Amino acid sequence: MNDQAAKLRQRMVQAIDQSRNETGARQHLSLARTIAVVSGKGGVGKTNISVNFALELARNRKKVMLLDMDLGMGNVHIILGQQPKFSLKDYLIGNALIEETITPYNTHLDYIAGGSGLDDIIEWTDEIVERLMIVFDEMQKTYDYIIFDMGAGATKRTIELIGAVDDIIVVATPEPTSITDAYSMMKYIVMNDFDKPLHIITNRVQNNKQMKQVSHRLQYAMKNFLKKETVVLGNLQEDPLMTEAVIAQKPFTELKPNATLSKQLTQITQAFIGNPFERVEEPNHFIQKLKGFFMKGSR
């Protein structure tokens, strides 16, 4: 296992170096900031937001890795208009090398697709856990941000991963079921880790009044019932551009960068970069926590 781990780690370093040969070596002052983008239910535009958020961070000259964690049903690559040969699922089950899964999108953004098709069910063996830890450990040393686009809802593996990351972004829409499910997700997170930074993005709002109602309702509920402060990063209006961009298989901030929707996403990104939460944990807590969760769950 040790020899295998050493080989995997070497491949991981080589793969990342190859993907960023246009930018040169990054000067590391700290480990990557890890972010999980989640939602209480599907169909709220979470992946669309994850992709465009990652692109906005990249436009700020941040080195970003976007991981599609919806294994078997991922669509990050579709929104980016690409068709990678291999996915994270392929790597985990041993069908591909790690260097074959990392796809550079532009100078500052790399991504790994989640894969499509549920014909292979992943059992989280010790070997798979080790492969994940190697990948994540090296990524933390290479990127400024690692964004995990999580599958909708809460599964055991979802909870384990979001329990380890630095920040969580919760996406909700004005639909009552979306608000309820988003609150339930945040409540579960807070009950397990009260200090976890929570950020809220409301998507598909119709007007300014609705913008305030949804985000402030969630923020108030968290503070009133759970005594937990949250940050409202911003709101995205209902706009046919989002659907238009998906059909065109191009991120909406690239398809129409001057549209109101794109400008709102830019404002959201700037709000996140300047968020008020302070780091209180050790910089390597992500790997330590994740290994603890996964090792416990694989036994």
C-alpha atoms as a PDB file:
ATOM      1  CA  MET A   1       0.000   0.000   0.000  1.00  0.00           C
ATOM      2  CA  ASN A   2       2.851   2.394   0.816  1.00  0.00           C
ATOM      3  CA  ASP A   3       4.514   1.848  -2.580  1.00  0.00           C
ATOM      4  CA  GLN A   4       1.172   2.305  -4.300  1.00  0.00           C
ATOM      5  CA  ALA A   5       0.500   5.482  -2.353  1.00  0.00           C
ATOM      6  CA  ALA A   6       3.904   6.897  -3.276  1.00  0.00           C
ATOM      7  CA  LYS A   7       3.270   6.217  -6.961  1.00  0.00           C
ATOM      8  CA  LEU A   8      -0.195   7.782  -6.796  1.00  0.00           C
ATOM      9  CA  ARG A   9       1.177  10.861  -5.053  1.00  0.00           C
ATOM     10  CA  GLN A  10       3.881  11.269  -7.687  1.00  0.00           C
ATOM     11  CA  ARG A  11       1.294  10.990 -10.469  1.00  0.00           C
ATOM     12  CA  MET A  12      -0.898  13.524  -8.723  1.00  0.00           C
ATOM     13  CA  VAL A  13       1.930  16.067  -8.591  1.00  0.00           C
ATOM     14  CA  GLN A  14       2.839  15.437 -12.224  1.00  0.00           C
ATOM     15  CA  ALA A  15      -0.782  15.743 -13.342  1.00  0.00           C
ATOM     16  CA  ILE A  16      -1.288  19.094 -11.627  1.00  0.00           C
ATOM     17  CA  ASP A  17       2.040  20.424 -12.868  1.00  0.00           C
ATOM     18  CA  GLN A  18       1.107  19.443 -16.415  1.00  0.00           C
ATOM     19  CA  SER A  19      -2.312  21.080 -16.166  1.00  0.00           C
ATOM     20  CA  ARG A  20      -0.818  24.414 -15.152  1.00  0.00           C
ATOM     21  CA  ASN A  21       2.316  24.612 -17.272  1.00  0.00           C
ATOM     22  CA  GLU A  22       1.195  27.974 -18.653  1.00  0.00           C
ATOM     23  CA  THR A  23       1.117  29.650 -15.267  1.00  0.00           C
ATOM     24  CA  GLY A  24       4.360  28.489 -13.691  1.00  0.00           C
ATOM     25  CA  ALA A  25       4.822  27.356 -10.117  1.00  0.00           C
ATOM     26  CA  ARG A  26       2.515  28.769  -7.512  1.00  0.00           C
ATOM     27  CA  GLN A  27       4.094  30.370  -4.477  1.00  0.00           C
ATOM     28  CA  HIS A  28       2.333  28.693  -1.554  1.00  0.00           C
ATOM     29  CA  LEU A  29       1.692  30.742   1.520  1.00  0.00           C
ATOM     30  CA  SER A  30      -1.105  28.511   2.810  1.00  0.00           C
ATOM     31  CA  LEU A  31      -3.129  25.453   1.950  1.00  0.00           C
ATOM     32  CA  ALA A  32      -6.128  25.699  -0.337  1.00  0.00           C
ATOM     33  CA  ARG A  33      -9.436  26.898   1.024  1.00  0.00           C
ATOM     34  CA  THR A  34     -11.958  24.065   0.653  1.00  0.00           C
ATOM     35  CA  ILE A  35     -15.592  24.847  -0.191  1.00  0.00           C
ATOM     36  CA  ALA A  36     -18.622  22.580  -0.490  1.00  0.00           C
ATOM     37  CA  VAL A  37     -21.565  23.872  -2.525  1.00  0.00           C
ATOM     38  CA  VAL A  38     -24.733  22.132  -1.339  1.00  0.00           C
ATOM     39  CA  SER A  39     -28.514  22.302  -1.569  1.00  0.00           C
ATOM     40  CA  GLY A  40     -31.355  20.708   0.302  1.00  0.00           C
ATOM     41  CA  LYS A  41     -33.020  19.495  -2.882  1.00  0.00           C
ATOM     42  CA  GLY A  42     -32.190  19.099  -6.553  1.00  0.00           C
ATOM     43  CA  GLY A  43     -33.111  21.451  -9.380  1.00  0.00           C
ATOM     44  CA  VAL A  44     -32.043  24.701  -7.686  1.00  0.00           C
ATOM     45  CA  GLY A  45     -29.176  25.528 -10.061  1.00  0.00           C
ATOM     46  CA  LYS A  46     -26.429  24.449  -7.675  1.00  0.00           C
ATOM     47  CA  THR A  47     -24.043  23.058 -10.290  1.00  0.00           C
ATOM     48  CA  ASN A  48     -24.537  26.061 -12.560  1.00  0.00           C
ATOM     49  CA  ILE A  49     -23.613  28.315  -9.651  1.00  0.00           C
ATOM     50  CA  SER A  50     -20.621  26.127  -8.704  1.00  0.00           C
ATOM     51  CA  VAL A  51     -19.196  26.312 -12.224  1.00  0.00           C
ATOM     52  CA  ASN A  52     -19.625  30.066 -12.635  1.00  0.00           C
ATOM     53  CA  PHE A  53     -18.416  30.730  -9.090  1.00  0.00           C
ATOM     54  CA  ALA A  54     -15.264  28.735  -9.826  1.00  0.00           C
ATOM     55  CA  LEU A  55     -14.756  30.722 -13.024  1.00  0.00           C
ATOM     56  CA  GLU A  56     -15.124  34.008 -11.163  1.00  0.00           C
ATOM     57  CA  LEU A  57     -12.507  32.955  -8.621  1.00  0.00           C
ATOM     58  CA  ALA A  58     -10.237  32.016 -11.526  1.00  0.00           C
ATOM     59  CA  ARG A  59     -10.774  35.459 -13.070  1.00  0.00           C
ATOM     60  CA  ASN A  60      -9.413  36.856  -9.816  1.00  0.00           C
ATOM     61  CA  ARG A  61      -6.207  35.003 -10.672  1.00  0.00           C
ATOM     62  CA  LYS A  62      -6.853  32.302  -8.114  1.00  0.00           C
ATOM     63  CA  LYS A  63      -5.835  28.751  -8.958  1.00  0.00           C
ATOM     64  CA  VAL A  64      -9.052  26.732  -8.663  1.00  0.00           C
ATOM     65  CA  MET A  65      -9.927  23.046  -8.725  1.00  0.00           C
ATOM     66  CA  LEU A  66     -13.605  22.155  -9.230  1.00  0.00           C
ATOM     67  CA  LEU A  67     -14.583  18.607  -8.307  1.00  0.00           C
ATOM     68  CA  ASP A  68     -17.904  17.136  -9.398  1.00  0.00           C
ATOM     69  CA  MET A  69     -18.833  14.938  -6.431  1.00  0.00           C
ATOM     70  CA  ASP A  70     -22.107  13.734  -7.915  1.00  0.00           C
ATOM     71  CA  LEU A  71     -20.492  10.441  -8.899  1.00  0.00           C
ATOM     72  CA  GLY A  72     -22.348   8.712 -11.705  1.00  0.00           C
ATOM     73  CA  MET A  73     -24.694  11.647 -12.336  1.00  0.00           C
ATOM     74  CA  GLY A  74     -22.317  14.585 -12.674  1.00  0.00           C
ATOM     75  CA  ASN A  75     -22.867  17.394 -15.174  1.00  0.00           C
ATOM     76  CA  VAL A  76     -20.130  19.948 -14.483  1.00  0.00           C
ATOM     77  CA  HIS A  77     -18.465  18.948 -17.741  1.00  0.00           C
ATOM     78  CA  ILE A  78     -21.717  19.485 -19.649  1.00  0.00           C
ATOM     79  CA  ILE A  79     -22.044  23.065 -18.422  1.00  0.00           C
ATOM     80  CA  LEU A  80     -18.403  23.610 -19.389  1.00  0.00           C
ATOM     81  CA  GLY A  81     -19.111  22.203 -22.850  1.00  0.00           C
ATOM     82  CA  GLN A  82     -16.513  19.446 -22.662  1.00  0.00           C
ATOM     83  CA  GLN A  83     -16.466  15.659 -22.649  1.00  0.00           C
ATOM     84  CA  PRO A  84     -13.540  14.325 -20.625  1.00  0.00           C
ATOM     85  CA  LYS A  85     -12.626  10.732 -21.309  1.00  0.00           C
ATOM     86  CA  PHE A  86     -12.248   9.880 -17.649  1.00  0.00           C
ATOM     87  CA  SER A  87     -13.887  10.985 -14.400  1.00  0.00           C
ATOM     88  CA  LEU A  88     -13.312  10.880 -10.653  1.00  0.00           C
ATOM     89  CA  LYS A  89     -15.361   7.708 -10.552  1.00  0.00           C
ATOM     90  CA  ASP A  90     -13.006   6.105 -13.090  1.00  0.00           C
ATOM     91  CA  TYR A  91     -10.025   6.981 -10.934  1.00  0.00           C
ATOM     92  CA  LEU A  92     -11.601   5.698  -7.730  1.00  0.00           C
ATOM     93  CA  ILE A  93     -12.507   2.318  -9.198  1.00  0.00           C
ATOM     94  CA  GLY A  94      -9.134   1.966 -10.896  1.00  0.00           C
ATOM     95  CA  ASN A  95     -10.180   2.505 -14.515  1.00  0.00           C
ATOM     96  CA  ALA A  96      -7.992   5.597 -15.004  1.00  0.00           C
ATOM     97  CA  LEU A  97      -4.862   7.269 -13.684  1.00  0.00           C
ATOM     98  CA  ILE A  98      -5.297  10.518 -11.789  1.00  0.00           C
ATOM     99  CA  GLU A  99      -3.506  12.477 -14.509  1.00  0.00           C
ATOM    100  CA  GLU A 100      -6.133  11.273 -16.975  1.00  0.00           C
ATOM    101  CA  THR A 101      -8.974  12.763 -14.946  1.00  0.00           C
ATOM    102  CA  ILE A 102      -7.721  16.332 -14.427  1.00  0.00           C
ATOM    103  CA  THR A 103      -9.011  18.594 -17.203  1.00  0.00           C
ATOM    104  CA  PRO A 104      -7.701  22.163 -17.563  1.00  0.00           C
ATOM    105  CA  TYR A 105     -10.524  24.539 -18.549  1.00  0.00           C
ATOM    106  CA  ASN A 106      -8.426  27.668 -18.680  1.00  0.00           C
ATOM    107  CA  THR A 107      -5.199  29.032 -17.230  1.00  0.00           C
ATOM    108  CA  HIS A 108      -6.479  29.162 -13.658  1.00  0.00           C
ATOM    109  CA  LEU A 109      -9.299  26.593 -13.552  1.00  0.00           C
ATOM    110  CA  ASP A 110      -8.970  22.809 -13.582  1.00  0.00           C
ATOM    111  CA  TYR A 111     -11.790  20.364 -12.964  1.00  0.00           C
ATOM    112  CA  ILE A 112     -12.506  16.674 -12.536  1.00  0.00           C
ATOM    113  CA  ALA A 113     -15.805  15.359 -13.865  1.00  0.00           C
ATOM    114  CA  GLY A 114     -18.000  13.155 -11.711  1.00  0.00           C
ATOM    115  CA  GLY A 115     -18.841  10.676 -14.426  1.00  0.00           C
ATOM    116  CA  SER A 116     -22.131   9.445 -15.799  1.00  0.00           C
ATOM    117  CA  GLY A 117     -23.893   6.118 -15.547  1.00  0.00           C
ATOM    118  CA  LEU A 118     -24.693   4.169 -12.407  1.00  0.00           C
ATOM    119  CA  ASP A 119     -23.481   0.810 -13.676  1.00  0.00           C
ATOM    120  CA  ASP A 120     -20.570   0.782 -11.220  1.00  0.00           C
ATOM    121  CA  ILE A 121     -21.416   1.106  -7.529  1.00  0.00           C
ATOM    122  CA  ILE A 122     -18.495   2.399  -5.473  1.00  0.00           C
ATOM    123  CA  GLU A 123     -17.735   0.615  -2.216  1.00  0.00           C
ATOM    124  CA  TRP A 124     -15.571   2.817  -0.009  1.00  0.00           C
ATOM    125  CA  THR A 125     -12.689   0.447   0.648  1.00  0.00           C
ATOM    126  CA  ASP A 126      -9.486   1.432   2.438  1.00  0.00           C
ATOM    127  CA  GLU A 127      -7.756   1.589  -0.940  1.00  0.00           C
ATOM    128  CA  ILE A 128     -10.289   4.048  -2.350  1.00  0.00           C
ATOM    129  CA  VAL A 129     -10.060   6.183   0.784  1.00  0.00           C
ATOM    130  CA  GLU A 130      -6.273   6.245   0.439  1.00  0.00           C
ATOM    131  CA  ARG A 131      -6.567   7.300  -3.193  1.00  0.00           C
ATOM    132  CA  LEU A 132      -8.878  10.151  -2.227  1.00  0.00           C
ATOM    133  CA  MET A 133      -6.623  11.336   0.579  1.00  0.00           C
ATOM    134  CA  ILE A 134      -3.593  11.452  -1.724  1.00  0.00           C
ATOM    135  CA  VAL A 135      -5.476  13.492  -4.313  1.00  0.00           C
ATOM    136  CA  PHE A 136      -6.951  15.952  -1.826  1.00  0.00           C
ATOM    137  CA  ASP A 137      -3.675  16.339   0.084  1.00  0.00           C
ATOM    138  CA  GLU A 138      -1.734  17.278  -3.042  1.00  0.00           C
ATOM    139  CA  MET A 139      -4.505  19.552  -4.295  1.00  0.00           C
ATOM    140  CA  GLN A 140      -4.414  21.506  -1.051  1.00  0.00           C
ATOM    141  CA  LYS A 141      -0.763  22.298  -1.701  1.00  0.00           C
ATOM    142  CA  THR A 142      -1.337  23.304  -5.317  1.00  0.00           C
ATOM    143  CA  TYR A 143      -4.566  25.296  -5.529  1.00  0.00           C
ATOM    144  CA  ASP A 144      -5.926  28.395  -3.846  1.00  0.00           C
ATOM    145  CA  TYR A 145      -9.471  27.020  -3.788  1.00  0.00           C
ATOM    146  CA  ILE A 146     -10.922  23.530  -4.024  1.00  0.00           C
ATOM    147  CA  ILE A 147     -14.643  23.574  -4.770  1.00  0.00           C
ATOM    148  CA  PHE A 148     -16.744  20.457  -4.225  1.00  0.00           C
ATOM    149  CA  ASP A 149     -19.986  20.494  -6.189  1.00  0.00           C
ATOM    150  CA  MET A 150     -21.986  18.082  -4.057  1.00  0.00           C
ATOM    151  CA  GLY A 151     -24.920  15.964  -5.131  1.00  0.00           C
ATOM    152  CA  ALA A 152     -28.329  17.212  -4.008  1.00  0.00           C
ATOM    153  CA  GLY A 153     -29.559  16.288  -0.565  1.00  0.00           C
ATOM    154  CA  ALA A 154     -27.703  14.700   2.333  1.00  0.00           C
ATOM    155  CA  THR A 155     -26.037  11.304   2.134  1.00  0.00           C
ATOM    156  CA  LYS A 156     -23.543   9.742   4.509  1.00  0.00           C
ATOM    157  CA  ARG A 157     -20.620  10.651   2.247  1.00  0.00           C
ATOM    158  CA  THR A 158     -21.975  14.160   1.635  1.00  0.00           C
ATOM    159  CA  ILE A 159     -22.135  14.832   5.365  1.00  0.00           C
ATOM    160  CA  GLU A 160     -18.631  13.463   5.904  1.00  0.00           C
ATOM    161  CA  LEU A 161     -17.132  15.673   3.213  1.00  0.00           C
ATOM    162  CA  ILE A 162     -18.957  18.873   4.131  1.00  0.00           C
ATOM    163  CA  GLY A 163     -18.042  18.219   7.739  1.00  0.00           C
ATOM    164  CA  ALA A 164     -14.376  18.511   6.778  1.00  0.00           C
ATOM    165  CA  VAL A 165     -14.323  21.538   4.445  1.00  0.00           C
ATOM    166  CA  ASP A 166     -13.547  25.116   5.480  1.00  0.00           C
ATOM    167  CA  ASP A 167     -16.714  26.739   4.111  1.00  0.00           C
ATOM    168  CA  ILE A 168     -20.184  25.704   2.990  1.00  0.00           C
ATOM    169  CA  ILE A 169     -22.296  27.530   0.437  1.00  0.00           C
ATOM    170  CA  VAL A 170     -25.990  26.645   0.560  1.00  0.00           C
ATOM    171  CA  VAL A 171     -28.080  27.292  -2.551  1.00  0.00           C
ATOM    172  CA  ALA A 172     -31.848  27.730  -2.252  1.00  0.00           C
ATOM    173  CA  THR A 173     -34.731  29.028  -4.365  1.00  0.00           C
ATOM    174  CA  PRO A 174     -37.966  30.772  -3.310  1.00  0.00           C
ATOM    175  CA  GLU A 175     -39.876  27.475  -3.463  1.00  0.00           C
ATOM    176  CA  PRO A 176     -41.112  26.550   0.036  1.00  0.00           C
ATOM    177  CA  THR A 177     -39.692  23.022  -0.280  1.00  0.00           C
ATOM    178  CA  SER A 178     -36.289  24.406  -1.210  1.00  0.00           C
ATOM    179  CA  ILE A 179     -36.261  26.796   1.757  1.00  0.00           C
ATOM    180  CA  THR A 180     -37.340  24.046   4.153  1.00  0.00           C
ATOM    181  CA  ASP A 181     -34.781  21.589   2.839  1.00  0.00           C
ATOM    182  CA  ALA A 182     -32.004  24.202   2.879  1.00  0.00           C
ATOM    183  CA  TYR A 183     -32.781  25.005   6.514  1.00  0.00           C
ATOM    184  CA  SER A 184     -32.788  21.297   7.401  1.00  0.00           C
ATOM    185  CA  MET A 185     -29.407  20.871   5.735  1.00  0.00           C
ATOM    186  CA  MET A 186     -27.930  23.852   7.593  1.00  0.00           C
ATOM    187  CA  LYS A 187     -29.439  22.708  10.885  1.00  0.00           C
ATOM    188  CA  TYR A 188     -27.859  19.284  10.510  1.00  0.00           C
ATOM    189  CA  ILE A 189     -24.491  20.844   9.723  1.00  0.00           C
ATOM    190  CA  VAL A 190     -24.650  23.202  12.710  1.00  0.00           C
ATOM    191  CA  MET A 191     -25.695  20.409  15.083  1.00  0.00           C
ATOM    192  CA  ASN A 192     -22.507  18.558  14.118  1.00  0.00           C
ATOM    193  CA  ASP A 193     -20.170  21.568  13.871  1.00  0.00           C
ATOM    194  CA  PHE A 194     -21.496  24.836  15.261  1.00  0.00           C
ATOM    195  CA  ASP A 195     -18.499  26.878  14.104  1.00  0.00           C
ATOM    196  CA  LYS A 196     -18.724  25.814  10.462  1.00  0.00           C
ATOM    197  CA  PRO A 197     -18.978  28.959   8.255  1.00  0.00           C
ATOM    198  CA  LEU A 198     -22.288  28.940   6.349  1.00  0.00           C
ATOM    199  CA  HIS A 199     -22.994  31.127   3.320  1.00  0.00           C
ATOM    200  CA  ILE A 200     -26.343  31.500   1.551  1.00  0.00           C
ATOM    201  CA  ILE A 201     -27.086  32.120  -2.139  1.00  0.00           C
ATOM    202  CA  THR A 202     -30.682  32.483  -3.284  1.00  0.00           C
ATOM    203  CA  ASN A 203     -31.305  31.584  -6.916  1.00  0.00           C
ATOM    204  CA  ARG A 204     -34.208  32.315  -9.277  1.00  0.00           C
ATOM    205  CA  VAL A 205     -35.702  35.220  -7.370  1.00  0.00           C
ATOM    206  CA  GLN A 206     -38.334  37.312  -9.141  1.00  0.00           C
ATOM    207  CA  ASN A 207     -37.809  40.735  -7.557  1.00  0.00           C
ATOM    208  CA  ASN A 208     -36.046  42.636  -4.784  1.00  0.00           C
ATOM    209  CA  LYS A 209     -38.776  41.861  -2.254  1.00  0.00           C
ATOM    210  CA  GLN A 210     -38.455  38.143  -2.866  1.00  0.00           C
ATOM    211  CA  MET A 211     -34.675  38.399  -2.650  1.00  0.00           C
ATOM    212  CA  LYS A 212     -34.896  39.720   0.894  1.00  0.00           C
ATOM    213  CA  GLN A 213     -37.679  37.364   1.935  1.00  0.00           C
ATOM    214  CA  VAL A 214     -35.865  34.150   1.082  1.00  0.00           C
ATOM    215  CA  SER A 215     -32.302  34.880   2.184  1.00  0.00           C
ATOM    216  CA  HIS A 216     -33.303  36.845   5.262  1.00  0.00           C
ATOM    217  CA  ARG A 217     -35.835  34.190   6.239  1.00  0.00           C
ATOM    218  CA  LEU A 218     -33.121  31.545   6.268  1.00  0.00           C
ATOM    219  CA  GLN A 219     -30.684  33.836   8.022  1.00  0.00           C
ATOM    220  CA  TYR A 220     -33.264  34.760  10.668  1.00  0.00           C
ATOM    221  CA  ALA A 221     -34.247  31.132  11.272  1.00  0.00           C
ATOM    222  CA  MET A 222     -30.634  30.128  11.813  1.00  0.00           C
ATOM    223  CA  LYS A 223     -29.996  32.962  14.239  1.00  0.00           C
ATOM    224  CA  ASN A 224     -33.311  32.761  16.098  1.00  0.00           C
ATOM    225  CA  PHE A 225     -33.593  28.996  16.532  1.00  0.00           C
ATOM    226  CA  LEU A 226     -29.980  27.837  16.421  1.00  0.00           C
ATOM    227  CA  LYS A 227     -28.103  31.005  17.535  1.00  0.00           C
ATOM    228  CA  LYS A 228     -25.967  30.621  14.421  1.00  0.00           C
ATOM    229  CA  GLU A 229     -24.758  33.571  12.349  1.00  0.00           C
ATOM    230  CA  THR A 230     -24.727  33.076   8.582  1.00  0.00           C
ATOM    231  CA  VAL A 231     -23.586  35.217   5.656  1.00  0.00           C
ATOM    232  CA  VAL A 232     -25.914  36.041   2.764  1.00  0.00           C
ATOM    233  CA  LEU A 233     -23.573  36.242  -0.203  1.00  0.00           C
ATOM    234  CA  GLY A 234     -26.248  37.504  -2.564  1.00  0.00           C
ATOM    235  CA  ASN A 235     -29.108  36.634  -4.867  1.00  0.00           C
ATOM    236  CA  LEU A 236     -29.456  35.607  -8.491  1.00  0.00           C
ATOM    237  CA  GLN A 237     -32.527  36.700 -10.411  1.00  0.00           C
ATOM    238  CA  GLU A 238     -34.775  34.439 -12.457  1.00  0.00           C
ATOM    239  CA  ASP A 239     -33.263  34.749 -15.918  1.00  0.00           C
ATOM    240  CA  PRO A 240     -33.661  32.656 -19.074  1.00  0.00           C
ATOM    241  CA  LEU A 241     -29.932  33.199 -19.599  1.00  0.00           C
ATOM    242  CA  MET A 242     -29.191  30.361 -17.179  1.00  0.00           C
ATOM    243  CA  THR A 243     -31.181  27.880 -19.268  1.00  0.00           C
ATOM    244  CA  GLU A 244     -29.846  29.385 -22.489  1.00  0.00           C
ATOM    245  CA  ALA A 245     -26.293  28.874 -21.253  1.00  0.00           C
ATOM    246  CA  VAL A 246     -26.925  25.246 -20.297  1.00  0.00           C
ATOM    247  CA  ILE A 247     -28.326  24.537 -23.765  1.00  0.00           C
ATOM    248  CA  ALA A 248     -25.321  26.256 -25.324  1.00  0.00           C
ATOM    249  CA  GLN A 249     -23.056  24.288 -22.949  1.00  0.00           C
ATOM    250  CA  LYS A 250     -21.252  27.443 -21.947  1.00  0.00           C
ATOM    251  CA  PRO A 251     -21.131  29.093 -18.490  1.00  0.00           C
ATOM    252  CA  PHE A 252     -23.483  32.085 -18.387  1.00  0.00           C
ATOM    253  CA  THR A 253     -20.742  34.423 -17.162  1.00  0.00           C
ATOM    254  CA  GLU A 254     -18.855  33.637 -20.368  1.00  0.00           C
ATOM    255  CA  LEU A 255     -21.856  33.555 -22.674  1.00  0.00           C
ATOM    256  CA  LYS A 256     -23.046  37.016 -21.596  1.00  0.00           C
ATOM    257  CA  PRO A 257     -20.542  38.555 -19.172  1.00  0.00           C
ATOM    258  CA  ASN A 258     -22.346  41.908 -19.091  1.00  0.00           C
ATOM    259  CA  ALA A 259     -25.776  40.490 -18.267  1.00  0.00           C
ATOM    260  CA  THR A 260     -27.323  41.316 -14.883  1.00  0.00           C
ATOM    261  CA  LEU A 261     -27.149  37.658 -13.863  1.00  0.00           C
ATOM    262  CA  SER A 262     -23.414  37.549 -14.564  1.00  0.00           C
ATOM    263  CA  LYS A 263     -22.817  40.760 -12.649  1.00  0.00           C
ATOM    264  CA  GLN A 264     -24.740  39.365  -9.681  1.00  0.00           C
ATOM    265  CA  LEU A 265     -22.529  36.288  -9.687  1.00  0.00           C
ATOM    266  CA  THR A 266     -19.454  38.530  -9.745  1.00  0.00           C
ATOM    267  CA  GLN A 267     -20.770  40.424  -6.710  1.00  0.00           C
ATOM    268  CA  ILE A 268     -21.425  37.136  -4.904  1.00  0.00           C
ATOM    269  CA  THR A 269     -17.862  36.001  -5.548  1.00  0.00           C
ATOM    270  CA  GLN A 270     -16.423  39.258  -4.261  1.00  0.00           C
ATOM    271  CA  ALA A 271     -18.597  38.970  -1.154  1.00  0.00           C
ATOM    272  CA  PHE A 272     -17.210  35.491  -0.513  1.00  0.00           C
ATOM    273  CA  ILE A 273     -13.593  36.524  -1.001  1.00  0.00           C
ATOM    274  CA  GLY A 274     -14.116  39.264   1.586  1.00  0.00           C
ATOM    275  CA  ASN A 275     -16.216  37.213   4.021  1.00  0.00           C
ATOM    276  CA  PRO A 276     -15.851  38.018   7.743  1.00  0.00           C
ATOM    277  CA  PHE A 277     -15.273  34.505   9.070  1.00  0.00           C
ATOM    278  CA  GLU A 278     -11.896  33.926  10.668  1.00  0.00           C
ATOM    279  CA  ARG A 279      -9.995  30.673  10.456  1.00  0.00           C
ATOM    280  CA  VAL A 280      -9.733  29.095  13.872  1.00  0.00           C
ATOM    281  CA  GLU A 281      -8.570  25.589  12.938  1.00  0.00           C
ATOM    282  CA  GLU A 282      -5.205  24.227  11.886  1.00  0.00           C
ATOM    283  CA  PRO A 283      -4.604  24.706   8.158  1.00  0.00           C
ATOM    284  CA  ASN A 284      -4.472  20.960   7.494  1.00  0.00           C
ATOM    285  CA  HIS A 285      -7.684  20.133   9.367  1.00  0.00           C
ATOM    286  CA  PHE A 286      -9.499  19.235   6.123  1.00  0.00           C
ATOM    287  CA  ILE A 287      -7.402  16.148   5.423  1.00  0.00           C
ATOM    288  CA  GLN A 288      -7.283  15.172   9.086  1.00  0.00           C
ATOM    289  CA  LYS A 289     -11.050  15.398   9.487  1.00  0.00           C
ATOM    290  CA  LEU A 290     -11.812  13.723   6.190  1.00  0.00           C
ATOM    291  CA  LYS A 291      -9.495  10.838   6.858  1.00  0.00           C
ATOM    292  CA  GLY A 292     -11.108  10.365  10.251  1.00  0.00           C
ATOM    293  CA  PHE A 293     -14.605  10.347   8.755  1.00  0.00           C
ATOM    294  CA  PHE A 294     -13.779   8.067   5.827  1.00  0.00           C
ATOM    295  CA  MET A 295     -11.639   5.620   7.732  1.00  0.00           C
ATOM    296  CA  LYS A 296     -14.367   5.248  10.337  1.00  0.00           C
ATOM    297  CA  GLY A 297     -17.004   4.756   7.649  1.00  0.00           C
ATOM    298  CA  SER A 298     -15.008   2.205   5.636  1.00  0.00           C
ATOM    299  CA  ARG A 299     -14.672  -0.216   8.513  1.00  0.00           C
END
